Amino acid sequence: MPIIYKDNEQIVIEIKKLMLENKISQREIADKMNIKPQGLTKILNKKNFGFEDAERILSAMGYNLIVDFQSNLEV
C-alpha cells in the first residue's frame, strides 16, 4: 500500500499499524533484531527516526522497505 510521506512520525505510525495487523509484538521484533524490547521502544520514539531504523525494523518483521518517487506536477 503506497503511503505519501509527511514526516518520520508517520512512518513510525505505519510500522506500528503493520505490527497490529500482523499481530507481531515489540518483543518478537526486538528478539529478531537481537536487542531488548526497551531498545526497540527507544528506536521507535527517537526524534531522528530514519531510513535505516525503518529498514531494520521492517526487515525483522519480514518486510522490505520500498521507496518510490512520484512527480507532483500535472502533465
PDB file of N, CA and C in Angstrom:
ATOM      1  N   MET A   1       0.829  -1.176   0.000  1.00  0.00           N
ATOM      2  CA  MET A   1       0.000   0.000   0.000  1.00  0.00           C
ATOM      3  C   MET A   1       0.874   1.240   0.000  1.00  0.00           C
ATOM      4  N   PRO A   2       0.781   2.082  -0.993  1.00  0.00           N
ATOM      5  CA  PRO A   2       1.592   3.295  -1.035  1.00  0.00           C
ATOM      6  C   PRO A   2       1.175   4.284   0.053  1.00  0.00           C
ATOM      7  N   ILE A   3       2.165   4.950   0.606  1.00  0.00           N
ATOM      8  CA  ILE A   3       1.930   5.957   1.634  1.00  0.00           C
ATOM      9  C   ILE A   3       2.639   7.225   1.195  1.00  0.00           C
ATOM     10  N   ILE A   4       1.954   8.348   1.257  1.00  0.00           N
ATOM     11  CA  ILE A   4       2.591   9.615   0.936  1.00  0.00           C
ATOM     12  C   ILE A   4       3.294  10.096   2.202  1.00  0.00           C
ATOM     13  N   TYR A   5       4.615  10.216   2.099  1.00  0.00           N
ATOM     14  CA  TYR A   5       5.442  10.580   3.233  1.00  0.00           C
ATOM     15  C   TYR A   5       5.180  12.016   3.659  1.00  0.00           C
ATOM     16  N   LYS A   6       4.934  12.194   4.958  1.00  0.00           N
ATOM     17  CA  LYS A   6       4.754  13.534   5.514  1.00  0.00           C
ATOM     18  C   LYS A   6       5.862  13.845   6.505  1.00  0.00           C
ATOM     19  N   ASP A   7       6.165  12.890   7.376  1.00  0.00           N
ATOM     20  CA  ASP A   7       7.237  13.065   8.353  1.00  0.00           C
ATOM     21  C   ASP A   7       7.603  11.713   8.950  1.00  0.00           C
ATOM     22  N   ASN A   8       8.667  11.688   9.736  1.00  0.00           N
ATOM     23  CA  ASN A   8       9.145  10.438  10.317  1.00  0.00           C
ATOM     24  C   ASN A   8       8.131   9.805  11.258  1.00  0.00           C
ATOM     25  N   GLU A   9       7.376  10.634  11.963  1.00  0.00           N
ATOM     26  CA  GLU A   9       6.361  10.109  12.883  1.00  0.00           C
ATOM     27  C   GLU A   9       5.329   9.272  12.128  1.00  0.00           C
ATOM     28  N   GLN A  10       4.999   9.688  10.928  1.00  0.00           N
ATOM     29  CA  GLN A  10       4.031   8.945  10.119  1.00  0.00           C
ATOM     30  C   GLN A  10       4.564   7.548   9.800  1.00  0.00           C
ATOM     31  N   ILE A  11       5.857   7.449   9.506  1.00  0.00           N
ATOM     32  CA  ILE A  11       6.463   6.150   9.202  1.00  0.00           C
ATOM     33  C   ILE A  11       6.376   5.242  10.422  1.00  0.00           C
ATOM     34  N   VAL A  12       6.640   5.785  11.600  1.00  0.00           N
ATOM     35  CA  VAL A  12       6.549   5.004  12.838  1.00  0.00           C
ATOM     36  C   VAL A  12       5.115   4.520  13.032  1.00  0.00           C
ATOM     37  N   ILE A  13       4.144   5.382  12.793  1.00  0.00           N
ATOM     38  CA  ILE A  13       2.735   5.002  12.931  1.00  0.00           C
ATOM     39  C   ILE A  13       2.392   3.868  11.972  1.00  0.00           C
ATOM     40  N   GLU A  14       2.868   3.953  10.737  1.00  0.00           N
ATOM     41  CA  GLU A  14       2.590   2.899   9.757  1.00  0.00           C
ATOM     42  C   GLU A  14       3.247   1.577  10.165  1.00  0.00           C
ATOM     43  N   ILE A  15       4.442   1.641  10.734  1.00  0.00           N
ATOM     44  CA  ILE A  15       5.099   0.421  11.216  1.00  0.00           C
ATOM     45  C   ILE A  15       4.295  -0.184  12.356  1.00  0.00           C
ATOM     46  N   LYS A  16       3.814   0.651  13.273  1.00  0.00           N
ATOM     47  CA  LYS A  16       3.008   0.149  14.393  1.00  0.00           C
ATOM     48  C   LYS A  16       1.696  -0.457  13.898  1.00  0.00           C
ATOM     49  N   LYS A  17       1.108   0.117  12.851  1.00  0.00           N
ATOM     50  CA  LYS A  17      -0.106  -0.461  12.256  1.00  0.00           C
ATOM     51  C   LYS A  17       0.190  -1.856  11.711  1.00  0.00           C
ATOM     52  N   LEU A  18       1.324  -1.998  11.018  1.00  0.00           N
ATOM     53  CA  LEU A  18       1.718  -3.308  10.499  1.00  0.00           C
ATOM     54  C   LEU A  18       1.876  -4.318  11.631  1.00  0.00           C
ATOM     55  N   MET A  19       2.469  -3.868  12.726  1.00  0.00           N
ATOM     56  CA  MET A  19       2.648  -4.752  13.879  1.00  0.00           C
ATOM     57  C   MET A  19       1.290  -5.255  14.380  1.00  0.00           C
ATOM     58  N   LEU A  20       0.329  -4.347  14.486  1.00  0.00           N
ATOM     59  CA  LEU A  20      -1.007  -4.728  14.954  1.00  0.00           C
ATOM     60  C   LEU A  20      -1.704  -5.649  13.958  1.00  0.00           C
ATOM     61  N   GLU A  21      -1.656  -5.290  12.680  1.00  0.00           N
ATOM     62  CA  GLU A  21      -2.308  -6.089  11.643  1.00  0.00           C
ATOM     63  C   GLU A  21      -1.757  -7.513  11.591  1.00  0.00           C
ATOM     64  N   ASN A  22      -0.444  -7.640  11.821  1.00  0.00           N
ATOM     65  CA  ASN A  22       0.208  -8.944  11.742  1.00  0.00           C
ATOM     66  C   ASN A  22       0.372  -9.610  13.095  1.00  0.00           C
ATOM     67  N   LYS A  23      -0.150  -8.968  14.130  1.00  0.00           N
ATOM     68  CA  LYS A  23      -0.085  -9.497  15.499  1.00  0.00           C
ATOM     69  C   LYS A  23       1.350  -9.870  15.887  1.00  0.00           C
ATOM     70  N   ILE A  24       2.273  -8.941  15.594  1.00  0.00           N
ATOM     71  CA  ILE A  24       3.678  -9.113  15.943  1.00  0.00           C
ATOM     72  C   ILE A  24       3.972  -8.166  17.100  1.00  0.00           C
ATOM     73  N   SER A  25       4.470  -8.717  18.189  1.00  0.00           N
ATOM     74  CA  SER A  25       4.754  -7.893  19.363  1.00  0.00           C
ATOM     75  C   SER A  25       6.113  -7.210  19.232  1.00  0.00           C
ATOM     76  N   GLN A  26       6.284  -6.148  19.996  1.00  0.00           N
ATOM     77  CA  GLN A  26       7.570  -5.466  20.018  1.00  0.00           C
ATOM     78  C   GLN A  26       8.651  -6.413  20.534  1.00  0.00           C
ATOM     79  N   ARG A  27       8.293  -7.285  21.455  1.00  0.00           N
ATOM     80  CA  ARG A  27       9.260  -8.249  21.992  1.00  0.00           C
ATOM     81  C   ARG A  27       9.759  -9.180  20.887  1.00  0.00           C
ATOM     82  N   GLU A  28       8.838  -9.665  20.036  1.00  0.00           N
ATOM     83  CA  GLU A  28       9.233 -10.549  18.928  1.00  0.00           C
ATOM     84  C   GLU A  28      10.183  -9.839  17.966  1.00  0.00           C
ATOM     85  N   ILE A  29       9.852  -8.600  17.643  1.00  0.00           N
ATOM     86  CA  ILE A  29      10.701  -7.841  16.733  1.00  0.00           C
ATOM     87  C   ILE A  29      12.063  -7.592  17.365  1.00  0.00           C
ATOM     88  N   ALA A  30      12.059  -7.192  18.625  1.00  0.00           N
ATOM     89  CA  ALA A  30      13.317  -6.929  19.335  1.00  0.00           C
ATOM     90  C   ALA A  30      14.179  -8.186  19.364  1.00  0.00           C
ATOM     91  N   ASP A  31      13.567  -9.330  19.625  1.00  0.00           N
ATOM     92  CA  ASP A  31      14.323 -10.593  19.643  1.00  0.00           C
ATOM     93  C   ASP A  31      14.990 -10.847  18.290  1.00  0.00           C
ATOM     94  N   LYS A  32      14.253 -10.609  17.209  1.00  0.00           N
ATOM     95  CA  LYS A  32      14.810 -10.820  15.867  1.00  0.00           C
ATOM     96  C   LYS A  32      15.907  -9.818  15.545  1.00  0.00           C
ATOM     97  N   MET A  33      15.866  -8.645  16.186  1.00  0.00           N
ATOM     98  CA  MET A  33      16.885  -7.621  15.976  1.00  0.00           C
ATOM     99  C   MET A  33      18.054  -7.778  16.953  1.00  0.00           C
ATOM    100  N   ASN A  34      17.935  -8.765  17.848  1.00  0.00           N
ATOM    101  CA  ASN A  34      18.947  -9.001  18.886  1.00  0.00           C
ATOM    102  C   ASN A  34      19.147  -7.795  19.798  1.00  0.00           C
ATOM    103  N   ILE A  35      18.020  -7.168  20.154  1.00  0.00           N
ATOM    104  CA  ILE A  35      18.052  -6.066  21.107  1.00  0.00           C
ATOM    105  C   ILE A  35      16.955  -6.306  22.138  1.00  0.00           C
ATOM    106  N   LYS A  36      16.981  -5.542  23.224  1.00  0.00           N
ATOM    107  CA  LYS A  36      15.934  -5.640  24.241  1.00  0.00           C
ATOM    108  C   LYS A  36      14.695  -4.886  23.762  1.00  0.00           C
ATOM    109  N   PRO A  37      13.513  -5.286  24.249  1.00  0.00           N
ATOM    110  CA  PRO A  37      12.290  -4.573  23.852  1.00  0.00           C
ATOM    111  C   PRO A  37      12.375  -3.068  24.133  1.00  0.00           C
ATOM    112  N   GLN A  38      13.056  -2.705  25.222  1.00  0.00           N
ATOM    113  CA  GLN A  38      13.212  -1.283  25.551  1.00  0.00           C
ATOM    114  C   GLN A  38      14.040  -0.574  24.475  1.00  0.00           C
ATOM    115  N   GLY A  39      14.984  -1.296  23.874  1.00  0.00           N
ATOM    116  CA  GLY A  39      15.795  -0.733  22.797  1.00  0.00           C
ATOM    117  C   GLY A  39      14.946  -0.424  21.580  1.00  0.00           C
ATOM    118  N   LEU A  40      14.002  -1.307  21.272  1.00  0.00           N
ATOM    119  CA  LEU A  40      13.105  -1.077  20.143  1.00  0.00           C
ATOM    120  C   LEU A  40      12.202   0.122  20.424  1.00  0.00           C
ATOM    121  N   THR A  41      11.685   0.203  21.643  1.00  0.00           N
ATOM    122  CA  THR A  41      10.853   1.348  22.016  1.00  0.00           C
ATOM    123  C   THR A  41      11.642   2.637  21.865  1.00  0.00           C
ATOM    124  N   LYS A  42      12.906   2.615  22.283  1.00  0.00           N
ATOM    125  CA  LYS A  42      13.757   3.790  22.173  1.00  0.00           C
ATOM    126  C   LYS A  42      13.948   4.192  20.706  1.00  0.00           C
ATOM    127  N   ILE A  43      14.149   3.206  19.843  1.00  0.00           N
ATOM    128  CA  ILE A  43      14.309   3.481  18.406  1.00  0.00           C
ATOM    129  C   ILE A  43      13.026   4.099  17.846  1.00  0.00           C
ATOM    130  N   LEU A  44      11.876   3.498  18.169  1.00  0.00           N
ATOM    131  CA  LEU A  44      10.595   3.983  17.639  1.00  0.00           C
ATOM    132  C   LEU A  44      10.262   5.392  18.128  1.00  0.00           C
ATOM    133  N   ASN A  45      10.738   5.744  19.323  1.00  0.00           N
ATOM    134  CA  ASN A  45      10.394   7.042  19.905  1.00  0.00           C
ATOM    135  C   ASN A  45      11.434   8.127  19.666  1.00  0.00           C
ATOM    136  N   LYS A  46      12.565   7.767  19.057  1.00  0.00           N
ATOM    137  CA  LYS A  46      13.607   8.788  18.905  1.00  0.00           C
ATOM    138  C   LYS A  46      13.210   9.844  17.886  1.00  0.00           C
ATOM    139  N   LYS A  47      13.652  11.053  18.151  1.00  0.00           N
ATOM    140  CA  LYS A  47      13.273  12.193  17.325  1.00  0.00           C
ATOM    141  C   LYS A  47      13.801  12.087  15.900  1.00  0.00           C
ATOM    142  N   ASN A  48      14.996  11.540  15.739  1.00  0.00           N
ATOM    143  CA  ASN A  48      15.591  11.460  14.413  1.00  0.00           C
ATOM    144  C   ASN A  48      15.462  10.058  13.804  1.00  0.00           C
ATOM    145  N   PHE A  49      14.302   9.411  14.033  1.00  0.00           N
ATOM    146  CA  PHE A  49      13.997   8.115  13.424  1.00  0.00           C
ATOM    147  C   PHE A  49      14.201   8.249  11.922  1.00  0.00           C
ATOM    148  N   GLY A  50      14.943   7.317  11.336  1.00  0.00           N
ATOM    149  CA  GLY A  50      15.268   7.468   9.925  1.00  0.00           C
ATOM    150  C   GLY A  50      15.119   6.206   9.106  1.00  0.00           C
ATOM    151  N   PHE A  51      15.600   6.291   7.878  1.00  0.00           N
ATOM    152  CA  PHE A  51      15.500   5.227   6.892  1.00  0.00           C
ATOM    153  C   PHE A  51      16.090   3.919   7.420  1.00  0.00           C
ATOM    154  N   GLU A  52      17.292   3.981   7.992  1.00  0.00           N
ATOM    155  CA  GLU A  52      17.957   2.768   8.473  1.00  0.00           C
ATOM    156  C   GLU A  52      17.156   2.105   9.603  1.00  0.00           C
ATOM    157  N   ASP A  53      16.573   2.929  10.467  1.00  0.00           N
ATOM    158  CA  ASP A  53      15.750   2.396  11.558  1.00  0.00           C
ATOM    159  C   ASP A  53      14.544   1.658  10.995  1.00  0.00           C
ATOM    160  N   ALA A  54      13.846   2.289  10.071  1.00  0.00           N
ATOM    161  CA  ALA A  54      12.662   1.673   9.464  1.00  0.00           C
ATOM    162  C   ALA A  54      13.037   0.385   8.754  1.00  0.00           C
ATOM    163  N   GLU A  55      14.146   0.421   8.032  1.00  0.00           N
ATOM    164  CA  GLU A  55      14.586  -0.757   7.290  1.00  0.00           C
ATOM    165  C   GLU A  55      14.892  -1.927   8.223  1.00  0.00           C
ATOM    166  N   ARG A  56      15.575  -1.670   9.331  1.00  0.00           N
ATOM    167  CA  ARG A  56      15.917  -2.731  10.287  1.00  0.00           C
ATOM    168  C   ARG A  56      14.668  -3.344  10.913  1.00  0.00           C
ATOM    169  N   ILE A  57      13.740  -2.494  11.316  1.00  0.00           N
ATOM    170  CA  ILE A  57      12.518  -2.982  11.964  1.00  0.00           C
ATOM    171  C   ILE A  57      11.668  -3.765  10.973  1.00  0.00           C
ATOM    172  N   LEU A  58      11.466  -3.212   9.785  1.00  0.00           N
ATOM    173  CA  LEU A  58      10.652  -3.893   8.776  1.00  0.00           C
ATOM    174  C   LEU A  58      11.272  -5.212   8.354  1.00  0.00           C
ATOM    175  N   SER A  59      12.576  -5.253   8.246  1.00  0.00           N
ATOM    176  CA  SER A  59      13.265  -6.496   7.898  1.00  0.00           C
ATOM    177  C   SER A  59      13.007  -7.565   8.956  1.00  0.00           C
ATOM    178  N   ALA A  60      13.062  -7.173  10.221  1.00  0.00           N
ATOM    179  CA  ALA A  60      12.789  -8.114  11.315  1.00  0.00           C
ATOM    180  C   ALA A  60      11.349  -8.609  11.275  1.00  0.00           C
ATOM    181  N   MET A  61      10.453  -7.806  10.693  1.00  0.00           N
ATOM    182  CA  MET A  61       9.048  -8.177  10.570  1.00  0.00           C
ATOM    183  C   MET A  61       8.783  -8.986   9.308  1.00  0.00           C
ATOM    184  N   GLY A  62       9.798  -9.123   8.450  1.00  0.00           N
ATOM    185  CA  GLY A  62       9.619  -9.866   7.208  1.00  0.00           C
ATOM    186  C   GLY A  62       9.161  -9.011   6.045  1.00  0.00           C
ATOM    187  N   TYR A  63       9.401  -7.710   6.129  1.00  0.00           N
ATOM    188  CA  TYR A  63       9.007  -6.782   5.076  1.00  0.00           C
ATOM    189  C   TYR A  63      10.240  -6.139   4.453  1.00  0.00           C
ATOM    190  N   ASN A  64      10.088  -5.697   3.218  1.00  0.00           N
ATOM    191  CA  ASN A  64      11.097  -4.879   2.553  1.00  0.00           C
ATOM    192  C   ASN A  64      10.613  -3.442   2.570  1.00  0.00           C
ATOM    193  N   LEU A  65      11.548  -2.523   2.730  1.00  0.00           N
ATOM    194  CA  LEU A  65      11.218  -1.108   2.634  1.00  0.00           C
ATOM    195  C   LEU A  65      11.428  -0.700   1.184  1.00  0.00           C
ATOM    196  N   ILE A  66      10.378  -0.192   0.560  1.00  0.00           N
ATOM    197  CA  ILE A  66      10.442   0.213  -0.840  1.00  0.00           C
ATOM    198  C   ILE A  66      10.187   1.714  -0.905  1.00  0.00           C
ATOM    199  N   VAL A  67      11.071   2.416  -1.565  1.00  0.00           N
ATOM    200  CA  VAL A  67      10.933   3.856  -1.724  1.00  0.00           C
ATOM    201  C   VAL A  67      10.628   4.147  -3.188  1.00  0.00           C
ATOM    202  N   ASP A  68       9.657   4.980  -3.427  1.00  0.00           N
ATOM    203  CA  ASP A  68       9.274   5.327  -4.790  1.00  0.00           C
ATOM    204  C   ASP A  68       9.085   6.842  -4.854  1.00  0.00           C
ATOM    205  N   PHE A  69       9.284   7.396  -6.001  1.00  0.00           N
ATOM    206  CA  PHE A  69       9.113   8.825  -6.200  1.00  0.00           C
ATOM    207  C   PHE A  69       8.050   9.062  -7.261  1.00  0.00           C
ATOM    208  N   GLN A  70       7.240  10.074  -7.019  1.00  0.00           N
ATOM    209  CA  GLN A  70       6.180  10.399  -7.959  1.00  0.00           C
ATOM    210  C   GLN A  70       6.130  11.914  -8.106  1.00  0.00           C
ATOM    211  N   SER A  71       6.079  12.379  -9.307  1.00  0.00           N
ATOM    212  CA  SER A  71       6.025  13.818  -9.566  1.00  0.00           C
ATOM    213  C   SER A  71       4.694  14.369  -9.071  1.00  0.00           C
ATOM    214  N   ASN A  72       4.759  15.536  -8.460  1.00  0.00           N
ATOM    215  CA  ASN A  72       3.511  16.177  -8.040  1.00  0.00           C
ATOM    216  C   ASN A  72       3.076  17.237  -9.045  1.00  0.00           C
ATOM    217  N   LEU A  73       3.749  17.267 -10.190  1.00  0.00           N
ATOM    218  CA  LEU A  73       3.377  18.195 -11.262  1.00  0.00           C
ATOM    219  C   LEU A  73       2.394  17.513 -12.203  1.00  0.00           C
ATOM    220  N   GLU A  74       1.352  18.235 -12.578  1.00  0.00           N
ATOM    221  CA  GLU A  74       0.407  17.674 -13.534  1.00  0.00           C
ATOM    222  C   GLU A  74       0.996  17.780 -14.927  1.00  0.00           C
ATOM    223  N   VAL A  75       0.877  16.717 -15.682  1.00  0.00           N
ATOM    224  CA  VAL A  75       1.437  16.703 -17.036  1.00  0.00           C
ATOM    225  C   VAL A  75       0.351  16.955 -18.050  1.00  0.00           C
TER     226      VAL A  75
END
